[in-house]
C-alpha atoms as a PDB file:
ATOM      1  CA  MET A   1       0.274   3.622  -6.160  1.00  0.00           C
ATOM      2  CA  LEU A   2      -2.703   1.442  -4.924  1.00  0.00           C
ATOM      3  CA  ILE A   3      -1.766  -0.921  -2.167  1.00  0.00           C
ATOM      4  CA  ILE A   4      -4.376  -3.547  -1.189  1.00  0.00           C
ATOM      5  CA  ILE A   5      -3.916  -5.658   1.800  1.00  0.00           C
ATOM      6  CA  VAL A   6      -6.207  -8.767   2.006  1.00  0.00           C
ATOM      7  CA  SER A   7      -6.964 -10.254   5.454  1.00  0.00           C
ATOM      8  CA  ASN A   8      -9.633 -11.920   7.213  1.00  0.00           C
ATOM      9  CA  PRO A   9      -8.821 -12.760  10.780  1.00  0.00           C
ATOM     10  CA  SER A  10     -11.902 -14.969  11.461  1.00  0.00           C
ATOM     11  CA  ARG A  11     -10.678 -17.580   8.763  1.00  0.00           C
ATOM     12  CA  LYS A  12      -7.761 -19.817   9.108  1.00  0.00           C
ATOM     13  CA  PRO A  13      -5.252 -19.731   6.203  1.00  0.00           C
ATOM     14  CA  GLU A  14      -6.098 -22.478   3.728  1.00  0.00           C
ATOM     15  CA  LYS A  15      -2.523 -23.132   2.729  1.00  0.00           C
ATOM     16  CA  GLN A  16       0.702 -22.372   4.509  1.00  0.00           C
ATOM     17  CA  TYR A  17       3.207 -20.877   2.115  1.00  0.00           C
ATOM     18  CA  LYS A  18       6.563 -22.465   1.986  1.00  0.00           C
ATOM     19  CA  THR A  19       9.703 -20.634   2.712  1.00  0.00           C
ATOM     20  CA  LYS A  20      13.127 -21.151   1.189  1.00  0.00           C
ATOM     21  CA  GLU A  21      15.461 -23.443   3.054  1.00  0.00           C
ATOM     22  CA  ASP A  22      17.477 -20.479   4.491  1.00  0.00           C
ATOM     23  CA  ASP A  23      14.245 -19.336   6.302  1.00  0.00           C
ATOM     24  CA  THR A  24      13.439 -16.373   4.013  1.00  0.00           C
ATOM     25  CA  MET A  25      10.100 -15.847   2.456  1.00  0.00           C
ATOM     26  CA  GLU A  26       9.588 -16.162  -1.210  1.00  0.00           C
ATOM     27  CA  LYS A  27       9.415 -12.841  -3.084  1.00  0.00           C
ATOM     28  CA  PHE A  28       6.335 -13.879  -5.182  1.00  0.00           C
ATOM     29  CA  ILE A  29       3.595 -16.421  -4.392  1.00  0.00           C
ATOM     30  CA  THR A  30       0.377 -17.232  -6.254  1.00  0.00           C
ATOM     31  CA  ASP A  31      -2.863 -18.082  -4.521  1.00  0.00           C
ATOM     32  CA  GLU A  32      -4.049 -21.231  -6.308  1.00  0.00           C
ATOM     33  CA  ARG A  33      -7.792 -20.603  -5.389  1.00  0.00           C
ATOM     34  CA  THR A  34      -8.019 -17.105  -6.783  1.00  0.00           C
ATOM     35  CA  GLY A  35      -5.129 -17.025  -9.175  1.00  0.00           C
ATOM     36  CA  LEU A  36      -3.857 -13.806  -7.667  1.00  0.00           C
ATOM     37  CA  GLN A  37      -0.167 -13.080  -7.398  1.00  0.00           C
ATOM     38  CA  TYR A  38       1.255 -11.592  -4.200  1.00  0.00           C
ATOM     39  CA  GLU A  39       4.553  -9.787  -3.751  1.00  0.00           C
ATOM     40  CA  LEU A  40       6.645  -9.695  -0.577  1.00  0.00           C
ATOM     41  CA  VAL A  41       6.931  -6.114   0.630  1.00  0.00           C
ATOM     42  CA  GLY A  42       8.625  -5.884   3.924  1.00  0.00           C
ATOM     43  CA  ASP A  43       6.853  -8.558   6.101  1.00  0.00           C
ATOM     44  CA  TYR A  44       3.636  -8.463   4.204  1.00  0.00           C
ATOM     45  CA  TYR A  45       2.340 -10.126   1.067  1.00  0.00           C
ATOM     46  CA  LEU A  46       0.538  -7.502  -1.075  1.00  0.00           C
ATOM     47  CA  ILE A  47      -1.345  -8.070  -4.354  1.00  0.00           C
ATOM     48  CA  ALA A  48       1.127  -7.677  -7.156  1.00  0.00           C
ATOM     49  CA  ARG A  49      -0.433  -5.563  -9.864  1.00  0.00           C
ATOM     50  CA  GLU A  50       0.928  -5.779 -13.243  1.00  0.00           C
ATOM     51  CA  ASP A  51       1.693  -2.420 -14.754  1.00  0.00           C
ATOM     52  CA  GLU A  52      -0.912  -1.294 -17.069  1.00  0.00           C
ATOM     53  CA  PRO A  53       0.144  -1.360 -20.688  1.00  0.00           C
ATOM     54  CA  GLU A  54       0.964   1.994 -21.957  1.00  0.00           C
ATOM     55  CA  GLY A  55      -1.731   3.278 -24.214  1.00  0.00           C
ATOM     56  CA  ARG A  56      -1.266   5.269 -27.300  1.00  0.00           C
ATOM     57  CA  PRO A  57      -0.142   8.865 -26.713  1.00  0.00           C
ATOM     58  CA  ILE A  58      -2.731  11.455 -26.671  1.00  0.00           C
ATOM     59  CA  GLY A  59      -0.279  14.196 -27.880  1.00  0.00           C
ATOM     60  CA  ILE A  60      -0.652  17.996 -28.042  1.00  0.00           C
ATOM     61  CA  TRP A  61      -3.711  17.961 -30.221  1.00  0.00           C
ATOM     62  CA  GLY A  62      -5.466  15.414 -28.088  1.00  0.00           C
ATOM     63  CA  GLN A  63      -4.767  17.476 -24.989  1.00  0.00           C
ATOM     64  CA  ARG A  64      -6.183  20.532 -26.608  1.00  0.00           C
ATOM     65  CA  HIS A  65      -9.286  18.779 -27.672  1.00  0.00           C
ATOM     66  CA  LEU A  66      -9.668  17.198 -24.154  1.00  0.00           C
ATOM     67  CA  ARG A  67      -9.510  20.639 -22.706  1.00  0.00           C
ATOM     68  CA  TYR A  68     -12.080  22.049 -25.117  1.00  0.00           C
ATOM     69  CA  SER A  69     -14.519  19.134 -24.870  1.00  0.00           C
ATOM     70  CA  HIS A  70     -14.277  19.121 -21.028  1.00  0.00           C
ATOM     71  CA  LYS A  71     -15.259  22.709 -20.975  1.00  0.00           C
ATOM     72  CA  HIS A  72     -17.648  23.082 -24.050  1.00  0.00           C
ATOM     73  CA  LYS A  73     -18.911  19.556 -24.846  1.00  0.00           C
ATOM     74  CA  VAL A  74     -19.614  18.114 -21.518  1.00  0.00           C
ATOM     75  CA  GLY A  75     -22.035  15.494 -22.848  1.00  0.00           C
ATOM     76  CA  LEU A  76     -19.497  14.032 -25.285  1.00  0.00           C
ATOM     77  CA  TYR A  77     -16.811  14.198 -22.687  1.00  0.00           C
ATOM     78  CA  ALA A  78     -18.904  12.375 -20.109  1.00  0.00           C
ATOM     79  CA  GLU A  79     -19.961   9.705 -22.506  1.00  0.00           C
ATOM     80  CA  LEU A  80     -16.525   8.947 -23.712  1.00  0.00           C
ATOM     81  CA  LEU A  81     -15.216   8.957 -20.069  1.00  0.00           C
ATOM     82  CA  THR A  82     -17.793   6.558 -18.740  1.00  0.00           C
ATOM     83  CA  THR A  83     -17.540   4.167 -21.618  1.00  0.00           C
ATOM     84  CA  GLY A  84     -13.772   4.036 -21.360  1.00  0.00           C
ATOM     85  CA  LYS A  85     -13.273   5.224 -24.882  1.00  0.00           C
ATOM     86  CA  LEU A  86     -11.786   8.689 -24.097  1.00  0.00           C
ATOM     87  CA  ASN A  87      -8.100   7.859 -24.504  1.00  0.00           C
ATOM     88  CA  ASP A  88      -8.605   5.960 -27.785  1.00  0.00           C
ATOM     89  CA  TYR A  89     -10.821   8.802 -29.099  1.00  0.00           C
ATOM     90  CA  LEU A  90      -8.145  11.393 -28.205  1.00  0.00           C
ATOM     91  CA  ALA A  91      -5.258   9.287 -29.601  1.00  0.00           C
ATOM     92  CA  ASP A  92      -7.157   8.900 -32.941  1.00  0.00           C
ATOM     93  CA  LEU A  93      -7.920  12.558 -33.042  1.00  0.00           C
ATOM     94  CA  ASN A  94      -4.294  13.294 -32.437  1.00  0.00           C
ATOM     95  CA  GLU A  95      -3.030  11.025 -35.215  1.00  0.00           C
ATOM     96  CA  GLN A  96      -5.563  12.718 -37.680  1.00  0.00           C
ATOM     97  CA  ALA A  97      -4.429  16.131 -36.612  1.00  0.00           C
ATOM     98  CA  GLU A  98      -0.650  15.251 -36.970  1.00  0.00           C
ATOM     99  CA  ALA A  99      -1.396  13.910 -40.432  1.00  0.00           C
ATOM    100  CA  MET A 100      -3.346  16.793 -41.493  1.00  0.00           C
ATOM    101  CA  PHE A 101      -0.716  19.242 -40.090  1.00  0.00           C
ATOM    102  CA  SER A 102       2.105  17.429 -41.999  1.00  0.00           C
ATOM    103  CA  ARG A 103       0.071  17.318 -45.225  1.00  0.00           C
ATOM    104  CA  LEU A 104      -0.764  21.125 -44.992  1.00  0.00           C
ATOM    105  CA  VAL A 105       2.859  22.140 -44.207  1.00  0.00           C
ATOM    106  CA  LYS A 106       4.098  20.132 -47.218  1.00  0.00           C
ATOM    107  CA  GLN A 107       1.264  21.469 -49.534  1.00  0.00           C
ATOM    108  CA  LEU A 108       1.770  25.098 -48.389  1.00  0.00           C
ATOM    109  CA  SER A 109       5.484  25.027 -48.648  1.00  0.00           C
ATOM    110  CA  GLU A 110       5.353  23.617 -52.253  1.00  0.00           C
ATOM    111  CA  LYS A 111       2.720  26.286 -53.070  1.00  0.00           C
ATOM    112  CA  GLU A 112       4.705  29.134 -51.743  1.00  0.00           C
ATOM    113  CA  GLY A 113       7.930  27.880 -53.213  1.00  0.00           C
ATOM    114  CA  VAL A 114       9.746  27.367 -49.870  1.00  0.00           C
ATOM    115  CA  THR A 115      12.381  24.816 -50.844  1.00  0.00           C
ATOM    116  CA  GLU A 116      15.780  23.514 -49.762  1.00  0.00           C
ATOM    117  CA  ALA A 117      17.471  25.771 -52.374  1.00  0.00           C
ATOM    118  CA  LEU A 118      15.896  28.811 -50.457  1.00  0.00           C
ATOM    119  CA  LYS A 119      16.992  27.337 -47.293  1.00  0.00           C
ATOM    120  CA  ALA A 120      20.628  27.138 -48.582  1.00  0.00           C
ATOM    121  CA  GLU A 121      20.388  30.631 -50.101  1.00  0.00           C
ATOM    122  CA  ASN A 122      18.678  32.635 -47.428  1.00  0.00           C
ATOM    123  CA  GLN A 123      18.163  30.752 -44.043  1.00  0.00           C
ATOM    124  CA  MET A 124      16.293  33.721 -42.230  1.00  0.00           C
ATOM    125  CA  LEU A 125      13.718  34.120 -45.044  1.00  0.00           C
ATOM    126  CA  TRP A 126      13.318  30.332 -45.175  1.00  0.00           C
ATOM    127  CA  VAL A 127      12.775  30.190 -41.392  1.00  0.00           C
ATOM    128  CA  GLN A 128      10.269  33.175 -41.584  1.00  0.00           C
ATOM    129  CA  ARG A 129       8.171  31.616 -44.331  1.00  0.00           C
ATOM    130  CA  MET A 130       8.255  28.165 -42.720  1.00  0.00           C
ATOM    131  CA  ASN A 131       6.988  29.679 -39.445  1.00  0.00           C
ATOM    132  CA  ASN A 132       4.197  31.368 -41.231  1.00  0.00           C
ATOM    133  CA  ILE A 133       3.325  28.106 -42.960  1.00  0.00           C
ATOM    134  CA  ARG A 134       3.368  26.266 -39.700  1.00  0.00           C
ATOM    135  CA  SER A 135       1.170  28.822 -38.001  1.00  0.00           C
ATOM    136  CA  ALA A 136      -1.370  28.682 -40.882  1.00  0.00           C
ATOM    137  CA  ALA A 137      -1.340  24.924 -40.720  1.00  0.00           C
ATOM    138  CA  MET A 138      -1.716  24.901 -36.865  1.00  0.00           C
ATOM    139  CA  GLU A 139      -4.688  27.339 -37.209  1.00  0.00           C
ATOM    140  CA  SER A 140      -6.411  25.205 -39.915  1.00  0.00           C
ATOM    141  CA  VAL A 141      -5.968  22.009 -37.850  1.00  0.00           C
ATOM    142  CA  ALA A 142      -7.327  23.720 -34.761  1.00  0.00           C
ATOM    143  CA  ASN A 143     -10.300  25.107 -36.491  1.00  0.00           C
ATOM    144  CA  ASP A 144     -11.188  21.938 -38.449  1.00  0.00           C
ATOM    145  CA  LEU A 145     -10.498  19.244 -35.922  1.00  0.00           C
ATOM    146  CA  ILE A 146      -9.787  20.484 -32.461  1.00  0.00           C
ATOM    147  CA  TYR A 147     -12.288  23.352 -31.660  1.00  0.00           C
ATOM    148  CA  CYS A 148     -15.363  22.143 -33.605  1.00  0.00           C
END
């Protein structure tokens, strides 16, 4: 958490902030000159930062690509980081990878005949085949999108 205390002892305060009638200080005040909002923390007014809006999730595929690009594609990583586009880039890549993974699992399961009927008939065989399909799809996504 970042705490910023603003003070300038050489300058007199431009405005005295009102207190409530019961002699307690207001929880939030706004500086009309700067437009900044301050929050009462203990006996001090600190700049009240609004929580940053949550960005799009990077996900597992984005994290893997982040580690790879940080280590092997330093130029791309530095450019995206300095321009502030790294999180959006990784979130887009994660969405593409998730879509590709889902599509591949569906296609491979249809191709190999892994159906709900097989699941009802022989659960262990269905789990074995689905795990093989998921592994193949993960490897394909990793080779085509993540580690390239």
